[in-house]
Amino acid sequence: MCEFAWTPIAEDCGSGMAGESRKARIMRMHRQYETLCEFIPTVKCQLDFHTPFELLVATILSAQTTDKRVNSITPELFDTYPTAEALADARLEDVESIIRPLGFYHVKAEHIIAVARQIVERFGGEVPQTMEELTSLPGVGRKTANVVLGNAFHVPGFPVDTHVIRVTGRLHWRDDWMKANTTPERIEQEITGCFPESEWTDLSHRLIIFGRNICTSRSPECETCPLLPTCPSAGEFLEIAAERKARATQRARRKPRSRKTPK
């Protein structure tokens, strides 16, 4: 776990902080990842599944909702439609009624039925095991394909979601950390160029868990963050938090005290 001896190609990894060489950046990335391994010692896919088909469907359904919510409806979905063949023959309205709590249920139902039909017609009912074939399925992009490859088939994959984008940016793990128009594909290429293939899937898991629980979007928990000493963005967020606390204190002081009514 996180114990690897590996020398990345310098051209694959740019510089992170001002004045930081590429070599120094890679060393910092590896130290920070080792810290994350200690902080999050075991990882696994947050979506419940038993087969590659179940994981593919669950990942498609997880768009714009939480894994927990997906896990709440997939037992009924997979009990009713356990295989690609079964889902391919499903009525749209029946699938919609099961996945309705997820939101966007009409589009999602159409997608998973279409995917099931493609798997049956083109791949004999078995989920394909290559990036090219997976992304040829309707509604399946690189993120979904990487989730399936890494977790169902143990093929190195690095899914990039909003948490990975945010955390790698705040840690200055990539050249374009200041840019708002970066792409998941660009991030995947740059980050995977700095770590061995054997770590890609677990690295993504840890960044996602870290982003959900500590390095959150609006109010990151910098004071308790294990990466605080080496995070290039911590000072900025600690200052923001201090300002918020000061404003809250001022408002509390200005609040008029309630007067007791004399008896």
C-alpha atoms as a PDB file:
ATOM      1  CA  MET A   1       0.000   0.000   0.000  1.00  0.00           C
ATOM      2  CA  CYS A   2       1.605   3.210  -1.241  1.00  0.00           C
ATOM      3  CA  GLU A   3       5.009   1.586  -1.061  1.00  0.00           C
ATOM      4  CA  PHE A   4       6.556   1.971  -4.470  1.00  0.00           C
ATOM      5  CA  ALA A   5       9.924   2.695  -5.941  1.00  0.00           C
ATOM      6  CA  TRP A   6       9.407   4.476  -9.193  1.00  0.00           C
ATOM      7  CA  THR A   7      11.037   7.200 -11.240  1.00  0.00           C
ATOM      8  CA  PRO A   8       8.593   9.221 -13.347  1.00  0.00           C
ATOM      9  CA  ILE A   9       9.521  10.853 -16.621  1.00  0.00           C
ATOM     10  CA  ALA A  10      10.107  14.495 -15.785  1.00  0.00           C
ATOM     11  CA  GLU A  11       8.302  15.707 -18.906  1.00  0.00           C
ATOM     12  CA  ASP A  12       5.102  14.026 -17.687  1.00  0.00           C
ATOM     13  CA  CYS A  13       4.929  16.178 -14.553  1.00  0.00           C
ATOM     14  CA  GLY A  14       5.062  19.949 -14.608  1.00  0.00           C
ATOM     15  CA  SER A  15       5.999  22.268 -11.778  1.00  0.00           C
ATOM     16  CA  GLY A  16       3.476  22.981  -9.035  1.00  0.00           C
ATOM     17  CA  MET A  17       4.290  25.846  -6.653  1.00  0.00           C
ATOM     18  CA  ALA A  18       6.232  28.935  -7.578  1.00  0.00           C
ATOM     19  CA  GLY A  19       9.946  28.170  -7.619  1.00  0.00           C
ATOM     20  CA  GLU A  20       9.336  24.433  -7.229  1.00  0.00           C
ATOM     21  CA  SER A  21      11.248  22.239  -9.648  1.00  0.00           C
ATOM     22  CA  ARG A  22       9.598  19.297 -11.337  1.00  0.00           C
ATOM     23  CA  LYS A  23      11.626  16.860  -9.292  1.00  0.00           C
ATOM     24  CA  ALA A  24      10.685  18.629  -6.057  1.00  0.00           C
ATOM     25  CA  ARG A  25       7.044  18.649  -7.055  1.00  0.00           C
ATOM     26  CA  ILE A  26       7.012  14.900  -7.714  1.00  0.00           C
ATOM     27  CA  MET A  27       8.700  14.221  -4.396  1.00  0.00           C
ATOM     28  CA  ARG A  28       6.121  16.397  -2.615  1.00  0.00           C
ATOM     29  CA  MET A  29       3.272  14.603  -4.408  1.00  0.00           C
ATOM     30  CA  HIS A  30       4.593  11.231  -3.305  1.00  0.00           C
ATOM     31  CA  ARG A  31       5.061  12.384   0.303  1.00  0.00           C
ATOM     32  CA  GLN A  32       1.552  13.797   0.369  1.00  0.00           C
ATOM     33  CA  TYR A  33       0.163  10.598  -1.086  1.00  0.00           C
ATOM     34  CA  GLU A  34       1.982   8.557   1.545  1.00  0.00           C
ATOM     35  CA  THR A  35       0.306  10.746   4.160  1.00  0.00           C
ATOM     36  CA  LEU A  36      -3.078  10.113   2.541  1.00  0.00           C
ATOM     37  CA  CYS A  37      -2.362   6.374   2.656  1.00  0.00           C
ATOM     38  CA  GLU A  38      -1.806   6.629   6.399  1.00  0.00           C
ATOM     39  CA  PHE A  39      -4.907   8.791   6.821  1.00  0.00           C
ATOM     40  CA  ILE A  40      -7.052   6.544   4.575  1.00  0.00           C
ATOM     41  CA  PRO A  41      -5.393   3.121   4.961  1.00  0.00           C
ATOM     42  CA  THR A  42      -7.976   1.032   3.100  1.00  0.00           C
ATOM     43  CA  VAL A  43     -10.041   1.989   0.092  1.00  0.00           C
ATOM     44  CA  LYS A  44     -12.653   0.363  -2.090  1.00  0.00           C
ATOM     45  CA  CYS A  45     -15.227   1.415  -4.619  1.00  0.00           C
ATOM     46  CA  GLN A  46     -18.022   3.304  -2.874  1.00  0.00           C
ATOM     47  CA  LEU A  47     -20.642   1.785  -5.179  1.00  0.00           C
ATOM     48  CA  ASP A  48     -21.990  -1.633  -4.212  1.00  0.00           C
ATOM     49  CA  PHE A  49     -21.698  -4.246  -6.957  1.00  0.00           C
ATOM     50  CA  HIS A  50     -21.155  -7.950  -7.570  1.00  0.00           C
ATOM     51  CA  THR A  51     -20.498  -8.040 -11.305  1.00  0.00           C
ATOM     52  CA  PRO A  52     -18.915  -5.749 -13.902  1.00  0.00           C
ATOM     53  CA  PHE A  53     -22.388  -5.155 -15.344  1.00  0.00           C
ATOM     54  CA  GLU A  54     -23.717  -3.991 -11.984  1.00  0.00           C
ATOM     55  CA  LEU A  55     -20.784  -1.616 -11.525  1.00  0.00           C
ATOM     56  CA  LEU A  56     -21.203  -0.170 -15.009  1.00  0.00           C
ATOM     57  CA  VAL A  57     -24.895   0.520 -14.443  1.00  0.00           C
ATOM     58  CA  ALA A  58     -24.340   1.897 -10.936  1.00  0.00           C
ATOM     59  CA  THR A  59     -21.624   4.242 -12.177  1.00  0.00           C
ATOM     60  CA  ILE A  60     -23.867   5.591 -14.921  1.00  0.00           C
ATOM     61  CA  LEU A  61     -26.597   6.166 -12.343  1.00  0.00           C
ATOM     62  CA  SER A  62     -24.206   7.963  -9.969  1.00  0.00           C
ATOM     63  CA  ALA A  63     -23.997  11.045 -12.183  1.00  0.00           C
ATOM     64  CA  GLN A  64     -25.218  14.139 -10.305  1.00  0.00           C
ATOM     65  CA  THR A  65     -26.162  12.190  -7.189  1.00  0.00           C
ATOM     66  CA  THR A  66     -24.423  10.429  -4.313  1.00  0.00           C
ATOM     67  CA  ASP A  67     -23.073   6.891  -4.209  1.00  0.00           C
ATOM     68  CA  LYS A  68     -25.109   6.329  -1.043  1.00  0.00           C
ATOM     69  CA  ARG A  69     -28.327   7.147  -2.851  1.00  0.00           C
ATOM     70  CA  VAL A  70     -27.396   4.901  -5.770  1.00  0.00           C
ATOM     71  CA  ASN A  71     -26.677   2.061  -3.346  1.00  0.00           C
ATOM     72  CA  SER A  72     -30.153   2.505  -1.877  1.00  0.00           C
ATOM     73  CA  ILE A  73     -31.917   1.635  -5.149  1.00  0.00           C
ATOM     74  CA  THR A  74     -29.565  -0.808  -6.887  1.00  0.00           C
ATOM     75  CA  PRO A  75     -30.566  -3.878  -4.808  1.00  0.00           C
ATOM     76  CA  GLU A  76     -34.097  -3.679  -6.210  1.00  0.00           C
ATOM     77  CA  LEU A  77     -32.839  -2.783  -9.672  1.00  0.00           C
ATOM     78  CA  PHE A  78     -30.425  -5.711  -9.887  1.00  0.00           C
ATOM     79  CA  ASP A  79     -32.845  -8.147  -8.280  1.00  0.00           C
ATOM     80  CA  THR A  80     -35.303  -7.251 -11.023  1.00  0.00           C
ATOM     81  CA  TYR A  81     -32.734  -7.027 -13.842  1.00  0.00           C
ATOM     82  CA  PRO A  82     -29.677  -9.110 -12.862  1.00  0.00           C
ATOM     83  CA  THR A  83     -28.126  -9.301 -16.339  1.00  0.00           C
ATOM     84  CA  ALA A  84     -27.655  -7.185 -19.423  1.00  0.00           C
ATOM     85  CA  GLU A  85     -30.176  -9.393 -21.225  1.00  0.00           C
ATOM     86  CA  ALA A  86     -32.810  -8.757 -18.572  1.00  0.00           C
ATOM     87  CA  LEU A  87     -32.297  -4.988 -18.544  1.00  0.00           C
ATOM     88  CA  ALA A  88     -32.216  -4.847 -22.344  1.00  0.00           C
ATOM     89  CA  ASP A  89     -35.787  -6.224 -22.403  1.00  0.00           C
ATOM     90  CA  ALA A  90     -37.046  -3.969 -19.609  1.00  0.00           C
ATOM     91  CA  ARG A  91     -39.861  -1.475 -20.038  1.00  0.00           C
ATOM     92  CA  LEU A  92     -38.683   2.110 -19.643  1.00  0.00           C
ATOM     93  CA  GLU A  93     -41.483   2.983 -17.207  1.00  0.00           C
ATOM     94  CA  ASP A  94     -40.604   0.070 -14.930  1.00  0.00           C
ATOM     95  CA  VAL A  95     -36.946   1.071 -14.717  1.00  0.00           C
ATOM     96  CA  GLU A  96     -37.926   4.695 -14.132  1.00  0.00           C
ATOM     97  CA  SER A  97     -40.099   3.739 -11.180  1.00  0.00           C
ATOM     98  CA  ILE A  98     -37.156   2.034  -9.482  1.00  0.00           C
ATOM     99  CA  ILE A  99     -34.526   4.726 -10.049  1.00  0.00           C
ATOM    100  CA  ARG A 100     -36.861   7.730  -9.613  1.00  0.00           C
ATOM    101  CA  PRO A 101     -35.228   8.785  -6.271  1.00  0.00           C
ATOM    102  CA  LEU A 102     -31.942   9.509  -8.078  1.00  0.00           C
ATOM    103  CA  GLY A 103     -33.195  12.409 -10.159  1.00  0.00           C
ATOM    104  CA  PHE A 104     -32.906  12.665 -13.950  1.00  0.00           C
ATOM    105  CA  TYR A 105     -34.462   9.211 -13.850  1.00  0.00           C
ATOM    106  CA  HIS A 106     -35.910   9.358 -17.367  1.00  0.00           C
ATOM    107  CA  VAL A 107     -32.579  10.049 -19.077  1.00  0.00           C
ATOM    108  CA  LYS A 108     -30.723   7.615 -16.822  1.00  0.00           C
ATOM    109  CA  ALA A 109     -33.250   4.845 -17.468  1.00  0.00           C
ATOM    110  CA  GLU A 110     -32.880   5.378 -21.208  1.00  0.00           C
ATOM    111  CA  HIS A 111     -29.081   5.266 -20.899  1.00  0.00           C
ATOM    112  CA  ILE A 112     -28.808   2.049 -18.910  1.00  0.00           C
ATOM    113  CA  ILE A 113     -31.327   0.242 -21.116  1.00  0.00           C
ATOM    114  CA  ALA A 114     -29.473   1.398 -24.223  1.00  0.00           C
ATOM    115  CA  VAL A 115     -26.156   0.276 -22.712  1.00  0.00           C
ATOM    116  CA  ALA A 116     -27.616  -3.129 -21.854  1.00  0.00           C
ATOM    117  CA  ARG A 117     -28.880  -3.576 -25.399  1.00  0.00           C
ATOM    118  CA  GLN A 118     -25.505  -2.640 -26.855  1.00  0.00           C
ATOM    119  CA  ILE A 119     -23.722  -5.087 -24.543  1.00  0.00           C
ATOM    120  CA  VAL A 120     -26.074  -7.879 -25.630  1.00  0.00           C
ATOM    121  CA  GLU A 121     -25.941  -7.059 -29.344  1.00  0.00           C
ATOM    122  CA  ARG A 122     -22.237  -6.254 -29.683  1.00  0.00           C
ATOM    123  CA  PHE A 123     -20.480  -8.064 -26.833  1.00  0.00           C
ATOM    124  CA  GLY A 124     -22.529 -11.190 -26.221  1.00  0.00           C
ATOM    125  CA  GLY A 125     -23.941  -9.946 -22.934  1.00  0.00           C
ATOM    126  CA  GLU A 126     -20.515  -9.395 -21.325  1.00  0.00           C
ATOM    127  CA  VAL A 127     -19.168  -5.980 -20.330  1.00  0.00           C
ATOM    128  CA  PRO A 128     -16.161  -5.160 -22.539  1.00  0.00           C
ATOM    129  CA  GLN A 129     -12.764  -4.799 -20.897  1.00  0.00           C
ATOM    130  CA  THR A 130     -11.050  -2.054 -22.904  1.00  0.00           C
ATOM    131  CA  MET A 131     -11.290   1.721 -22.759  1.00  0.00           C
ATOM    132  CA  GLU A 132     -12.098   1.941 -26.462  1.00  0.00           C
ATOM    133  CA  GLU A 133     -14.964  -0.534 -26.265  1.00  0.00           C
ATOM    134  CA  LEU A 134     -16.403   0.814 -23.030  1.00  0.00           C
ATOM    135  CA  THR A 135     -16.460   4.407 -24.261  1.00  0.00           C
ATOM    136  CA  SER A 136     -18.218   3.265 -27.433  1.00  0.00           C
ATOM    137  CA  LEU A 137     -21.286   2.488 -25.307  1.00  0.00           C
ATOM    138  CA  PRO A 138     -23.952   5.232 -25.084  1.00  0.00           C
ATOM    139  CA  GLY A 139     -23.445   7.581 -22.153  1.00  0.00           C
ATOM    140  CA  VAL A 140     -20.132   6.022 -21.086  1.00  0.00           C
ATOM    141  CA  GLY A 141     -17.166   8.403 -20.859  1.00  0.00           C
ATOM    142  CA  ARG A 142     -13.597   7.962 -19.650  1.00  0.00           C
ATOM    143  CA  LYS A 143     -14.511   8.455 -16.004  1.00  0.00           C
ATOM    144  CA  THR A 144     -17.102   5.670 -16.034  1.00  0.00           C
ATOM    145  CA  ALA A 145     -14.827   3.435 -18.086  1.00  0.00           C
ATOM    146  CA  ASN A 146     -11.929   3.973 -15.666  1.00  0.00           C
ATOM    147  CA  VAL A 147     -14.167   3.092 -12.704  1.00  0.00           C
ATOM    148  CA  VAL A 148     -15.179  -0.173 -14.340  1.00  0.00           C
ATOM    149  CA  LEU A 149     -11.693  -1.055 -15.563  1.00  0.00           C
ATOM    150  CA  GLY A 150     -10.012  -0.365 -12.228  1.00  0.00           C
ATOM    151  CA  ASN A 151     -12.582  -1.872  -9.887  1.00  0.00           C
ATOM    152  CA  ALA A 152     -14.218  -4.674 -11.863  1.00  0.00           C
ATOM    153  CA  PHE A 153     -11.329  -5.840 -14.043  1.00  0.00           C
ATOM    154  CA  HIS A 154      -8.310  -4.606 -12.053  1.00  0.00           C
ATOM    155  CA  VAL A 155      -6.996  -2.787 -15.102  1.00  0.00           C
ATOM    156  CA  PRO A 156      -5.163   0.411 -14.062  1.00  0.00           C
ATOM    157  CA  GLY A 157      -7.527   3.347 -14.309  1.00  0.00           C
ATOM    158  CA  PHE A 158      -7.706   6.845 -12.850  1.00  0.00           C
ATOM    159  CA  PRO A 159     -11.283   8.194 -12.686  1.00  0.00           C
ATOM    160  CA  VAL A 160     -11.366  11.994 -12.548  1.00  0.00           C
ATOM    161  CA  ASP A 161     -14.424  13.516 -10.879  1.00  0.00           C
ATOM    162  CA  THR A 162     -15.084  16.920  -9.305  1.00  0.00           C
ATOM    163  CA  HIS A 163     -13.272  15.910  -6.090  1.00  0.00           C
ATOM    164  CA  VAL A 164     -10.137  14.834  -7.967  1.00  0.00           C
ATOM    165  CA  ILE A 165     -10.196  18.058  -9.985  1.00  0.00           C
ATOM    166  CA  ARG A 166     -10.546  20.196  -6.846  1.00  0.00           C
ATOM    167  CA  VAL A 167      -7.983  18.384  -4.691  1.00  0.00           C
ATOM    168  CA  THR A 168      -5.269  18.124  -7.356  1.00  0.00           C
ATOM    169  CA  GLY A 169      -5.766  21.801  -8.074  1.00  0.00           C
ATOM    170  CA  ARG A 170      -5.526  22.934  -4.456  1.00  0.00           C
ATOM    171  CA  LEU A 171      -2.448  20.774  -3.919  1.00  0.00           C
ATOM    172  CA  HIS A 172      -0.863  22.175  -7.101  1.00  0.00           C
ATOM    173  CA  TRP A 173      -0.308  18.676  -8.404  1.00  0.00           C
ATOM    174  CA  ARG A 174      -0.805  19.866 -11.968  1.00  0.00           C
ATOM    175  CA  ASP A 175       0.385  22.674 -14.184  1.00  0.00           C
ATOM    176  CA  ASP A 176      -3.057  24.118 -14.874  1.00  0.00           C
ATOM    177  CA  TRP A 177      -4.196  24.327 -11.242  1.00  0.00           C
ATOM    178  CA  MET A 178      -5.109  28.002 -11.733  1.00  0.00           C
ATOM    179  CA  LYS A 179      -7.134  27.443 -14.900  1.00  0.00           C
ATOM    180  CA  ALA A 180     -10.888  27.001 -14.860  1.00  0.00           C
ATOM    181  CA  ASN A 181     -11.036  25.416 -18.301  1.00  0.00           C
ATOM    182  CA  THR A 182      -9.035  22.283 -17.650  1.00  0.00           C
ATOM    183  CA  THR A 183     -10.348  18.896 -18.764  1.00  0.00           C
ATOM    184  CA  PRO A 184     -10.577  15.555 -16.946  1.00  0.00           C
ATOM    185  CA  GLU A 185      -8.561  13.971 -19.756  1.00  0.00           C
ATOM    186  CA  ARG A 186      -5.721  16.438 -19.287  1.00  0.00           C
ATOM    187  CA  ILE A 187      -5.726  15.904 -15.524  1.00  0.00           C
ATOM    188  CA  GLU A 188      -5.746  12.134 -15.949  1.00  0.00           C
ATOM    189  CA  GLN A 189      -2.761  12.275 -18.282  1.00  0.00           C
ATOM    190  CA  GLU A 190      -0.732  14.558 -16.034  1.00  0.00           C
ATOM    191  CA  ILE A 191      -1.415  12.868 -12.689  1.00  0.00           C
ATOM    192  CA  THR A 192      -0.968   9.323 -13.978  1.00  0.00           C
ATOM    193  CA  GLY A 193       2.352  10.434 -15.417  1.00  0.00           C
ATOM    194  CA  CYS A 194       3.531  11.039 -11.857  1.00  0.00           C
ATOM    195  CA  PHE A 195       2.507   7.705 -10.301  1.00  0.00           C
ATOM    196  CA  PRO A 196       2.952   4.052 -11.247  1.00  0.00           C
ATOM    197  CA  GLU A 197       0.011   2.265 -12.843  1.00  0.00           C
ATOM    198  CA  SER A 198      -0.386   0.023  -9.808  1.00  0.00           C
ATOM    199  CA  GLU A 199      -1.444   3.049  -7.722  1.00  0.00           C
ATOM    200  CA  TRP A 200      -3.834   4.756 -10.145  1.00  0.00           C
ATOM    201  CA  THR A 201      -7.117   3.240  -8.962  1.00  0.00           C
ATOM    202  CA  ASP A 202      -6.420   3.579  -5.230  1.00  0.00           C
ATOM    203  CA  LEU A 203      -4.981   7.059  -5.752  1.00  0.00           C
ATOM    204  CA  SER A 204      -8.267   8.157  -7.297  1.00  0.00           C
ATOM    205  CA  HIS A 205     -10.243   6.531  -4.471  1.00  0.00           C
ATOM    206  CA  ARG A 206      -8.201   8.343  -1.821  1.00  0.00           C
ATOM    207  CA  LEU A 207      -8.442  11.723  -3.541  1.00  0.00           C
ATOM    208  CA  ILE A 208     -12.215  11.311  -3.841  1.00  0.00           C
ATOM    209  CA  ILE A 209     -12.665  10.282  -0.192  1.00  0.00           C
ATOM    210  CA  PHE A 210     -10.353  13.099   0.910  1.00  0.00           C
ATOM    211  CA  GLY A 211     -12.285  15.606  -1.204  1.00  0.00           C
ATOM    212  CA  ARG A 212     -15.645  14.491   0.143  1.00  0.00           C
ATOM    213  CA  ASN A 213     -14.676  14.556   3.802  1.00  0.00           C
ATOM    214  CA  ILE A 214     -11.801  17.004   4.342  1.00  0.00           C
ATOM    215  CA  CYS A 215     -10.974  19.112   1.289  1.00  0.00           C
ATOM    216  CA  THR A 216     -14.597  19.998   0.629  1.00  0.00           C
ATOM    217  CA  SER A 217     -15.722  22.546  -1.918  1.00  0.00           C
ATOM    218  CA  ARG A 218     -17.034  25.355   0.276  1.00  0.00           C
ATOM    219  CA  SER A 219     -15.429  24.936   3.679  1.00  0.00           C
ATOM    220  CA  PRO A 220     -12.338  22.696   3.638  1.00  0.00           C
ATOM    221  CA  GLU A 221     -11.290  21.375   7.043  1.00  0.00           C
ATOM    222  CA  CYS A 222      -7.774  22.799   6.822  1.00  0.00           C
ATOM    223  CA  GLU A 223      -7.189  22.957  10.583  1.00  0.00           C
ATOM    224  CA  THR A 224      -7.546  19.187  10.912  1.00  0.00           C
ATOM    225  CA  CYS A 225      -6.165  18.261   7.495  1.00  0.00           C
ATOM    226  CA  PRO A 226      -3.224  15.809   7.510  1.00  0.00           C
ATOM    227  CA  LEU A 227      -1.739  17.667   4.532  1.00  0.00           C
ATOM    228  CA  LEU A 228      -1.820  21.076   6.232  1.00  0.00           C
ATOM    229  CA  PRO A 229       1.990  21.417   6.631  1.00  0.00           C
ATOM    230  CA  THR A 230       2.660  20.900   2.910  1.00  0.00           C
ATOM    231  CA  CYS A 231      -0.505  22.204   1.245  1.00  0.00           C
ATOM    232  CA  PRO A 232       0.161  25.299  -0.912  1.00  0.00           C
ATOM    233  CA  SER A 233      -3.465  26.451  -0.593  1.00  0.00           C
ATOM    234  CA  ALA A 234      -3.923  26.037   3.165  1.00  0.00           C
ATOM    235  CA  GLY A 235      -2.897  29.590   4.067  1.00  0.00           C
ATOM    236  CA  GLU A 236      -5.525  31.095   1.809  1.00  0.00           C
ATOM    237  CA  PHE A 237      -8.347  28.954   3.199  1.00  0.00           C
ATOM    238  CA  LEU A 238      -7.244  29.401   6.810  1.00  0.00           C
ATOM    239  CA  GLU A 239      -7.332  33.154   6.282  1.00  0.00           C
ATOM    240  CA  ILE A 240     -10.844  32.929   4.832  1.00  0.00           C
ATOM    241  CA  ALA A 241     -11.960  30.798   7.767  1.00  0.00           C
ATOM    242  CA  ALA A 242     -10.461  33.284  10.237  1.00  0.00           C
ATOM    243  CA  GLU A 243     -12.276  36.166   8.537  1.00  0.00           C
ATOM    244  CA  ARG A 244     -15.572  34.285   8.701  1.00  0.00           C
ATOM    245  CA  LYS A 245     -15.035  33.562  12.382  1.00  0.00           C
ATOM    246  CA  ALA A 246     -14.206  37.223  13.073  1.00  0.00           C
ATOM    247  CA  ARG A 247     -17.346  38.423  11.277  1.00  0.00           C
ATOM    248  CA  ALA A 248     -19.464  35.926  13.194  1.00  0.00           C
ATOM    249  CA  THR A 249     -17.976  37.172  16.470  1.00  0.00           C
ATOM    250  CA  GLN A 250     -18.707  40.780  15.530  1.00  0.00           C
ATOM    251  CA  ARG A 251     -22.311  39.966  14.661  1.00  0.00           C
ATOM    252  CA  ALA A 252     -22.720  38.179  17.979  1.00  0.00           C
ATOM    253  CA  ARG A 253     -21.426  41.211  19.861  1.00  0.00           C
ATOM    254  CA  ARG A 254     -23.774  43.578  18.000  1.00  0.00           C
ATOM    255  CA  LYS A 255     -26.810  41.453  18.742  1.00  0.00           C
ATOM    256  CA  PRO A 256     -28.891  43.327  21.335  1.00  0.00           C
ATOM    257  CA  ARG A 257     -29.393  41.589  24.650  1.00  0.00           C
ATOM    258  CA  SER A 258     -32.961  40.715  25.498  1.00  0.00           C
ATOM    259  CA  ARG A 259     -34.327  42.768  28.365  1.00  0.00           C
ATOM    260  CA  LYS A 260     -36.033  41.023  31.209  1.00  0.00           C
ATOM    261  CA  THR A 261     -39.553  42.198  31.883  1.00  0.00           C
ATOM    262  CA  PRO A 262     -39.860  43.400  35.506  1.00  0.00           C
ATOM    263  CA  LYS A 263     -42.267  41.419  37.612  1.00  0.00           C
END
